[in-house]
N, C-alpha and C. Protein backbone atom coordinates (compact mmCIF):
# COMPACT_ATOMS: atom_id res chain seq x y z
N ALA A 1 71.34 34.55 57.36
CA ALA A 1 70.92 33.31 58.06
C ALA A 1 69.84 33.63 59.08
N SER A 2 70.00 34.72 59.77
CA SER A 2 69.00 35.09 60.80
C SER A 2 67.65 35.46 60.16
N PRO A 3 67.65 36.39 59.21
CA PRO A 3 66.41 36.83 58.53
C PRO A 3 65.72 35.69 57.80
N ALA A 4 66.50 34.79 57.24
CA ALA A 4 65.93 33.67 56.47
C ALA A 4 65.19 32.72 57.42
N THR A 5 65.72 32.53 58.60
CA THR A 5 65.08 31.60 59.56
C THR A 5 63.88 32.27 60.23
N ALA A 6 63.95 33.56 60.41
CA ALA A 6 62.84 34.28 61.09
C ALA A 6 61.66 34.42 60.13
N GLU A 7 61.93 34.62 58.88
CA GLU A 7 60.82 34.79 57.89
C GLU A 7 59.93 33.54 57.80
N PRO A 8 60.49 32.38 57.53
CA PRO A 8 59.70 31.14 57.40
C PRO A 8 59.08 30.73 58.73
N ALA A 9 59.70 31.09 59.81
CA ALA A 9 59.20 30.70 61.14
C ALA A 9 58.07 31.64 61.57
N ALA A 10 58.04 32.83 61.04
CA ALA A 10 57.01 33.81 61.44
C ALA A 10 55.64 33.46 60.84
N PRO A 11 55.53 33.22 59.55
CA PRO A 11 54.24 32.91 58.89
C PRO A 11 53.55 31.69 59.49
N PRO A 12 54.25 30.59 59.70
CA PRO A 12 53.64 29.36 60.24
C PRO A 12 53.14 29.55 61.67
N ALA A 13 53.79 30.39 62.43
CA ALA A 13 53.41 30.59 63.84
C ALA A 13 52.04 31.28 63.96
N PRO A 14 51.84 32.42 63.33
CA PRO A 14 50.55 33.16 63.39
C PRO A 14 49.41 32.37 62.75
N LYS A 15 49.73 31.65 61.71
CA LYS A 15 48.68 30.88 61.00
C LYS A 15 48.18 29.72 61.87
N ALA A 16 49.10 29.09 62.57
CA ALA A 16 48.73 27.93 63.40
C ALA A 16 47.99 28.39 64.67
N LYS A 17 48.31 29.58 65.12
CA LYS A 17 47.66 30.09 66.35
C LYS A 17 46.23 30.55 66.07
N ALA A 18 46.00 31.04 64.89
CA ALA A 18 44.65 31.56 64.55
C ALA A 18 43.63 30.43 64.48
N PRO A 19 43.91 29.37 63.75
CA PRO A 19 42.96 28.24 63.60
C PRO A 19 42.73 27.51 64.93
N GLN A 20 43.74 27.44 65.77
CA GLN A 20 43.60 26.72 67.04
C GLN A 20 42.56 27.36 67.96
N PRO A 21 42.71 28.63 68.27
CA PRO A 21 41.77 29.33 69.16
C PRO A 21 40.37 29.43 68.54
N ALA A 22 40.33 29.59 67.25
CA ALA A 22 39.03 29.74 66.56
C ALA A 22 38.25 28.43 66.63
N GLN A 23 38.94 27.31 66.47
CA GLN A 23 38.25 26.00 66.50
C GLN A 23 37.84 25.65 67.93
N GLN A 24 38.64 26.05 68.89
CA GLN A 24 38.35 25.71 70.30
C GLN A 24 37.17 26.54 70.82
N THR A 25 36.97 27.71 70.25
CA THR A 25 35.88 28.58 70.73
C THR A 25 34.49 28.04 70.34
N PRO A 26 34.26 27.74 69.08
CA PRO A 26 32.96 27.22 68.61
C PRO A 26 32.55 25.93 69.31
N PRO A 27 33.43 24.93 69.37
CA PRO A 27 33.12 23.63 69.99
C PRO A 27 32.79 23.80 71.47
N ALA A 28 33.43 24.73 72.13
CA ALA A 28 33.21 24.93 73.58
C ALA A 28 31.85 25.59 73.81
N SER A 29 31.45 26.46 72.90
CA SER A 29 30.17 27.18 73.05
C SER A 29 29.00 26.25 72.68
N GLU A 30 29.20 25.42 71.69
CA GLU A 30 28.12 24.51 71.23
C GLU A 30 27.65 23.58 72.36
N PRO A 31 28.55 22.84 72.96
CA PRO A 31 28.19 21.90 74.04
C PRO A 31 27.63 22.64 75.25
N ALA A 32 28.12 23.82 75.50
CA ALA A 32 27.67 24.60 76.67
C ALA A 32 26.21 25.05 76.45
N ALA A 33 25.90 25.47 75.26
CA ALA A 33 24.54 25.96 74.96
C ALA A 33 23.56 24.77 74.94
N ALA A 34 24.01 23.66 74.44
CA ALA A 34 23.13 22.47 74.35
C ALA A 34 22.81 21.96 75.76
N GLU A 35 23.80 21.99 76.63
CA GLU A 35 23.57 21.51 78.02
C GLU A 35 22.64 22.46 78.77
N ASP A 36 22.79 23.72 78.49
CA ASP A 36 21.95 24.73 79.16
C ASP A 36 20.49 24.42 78.84
């Protein structure tokens, strides 16, 4: 029960964290460079 819950919960966590920071970085740099 423990390993089964940790396995499915592990893949979704790292995958969701990667796209979030990556998307926030480009959009933040674009507006900053345009304003400059």
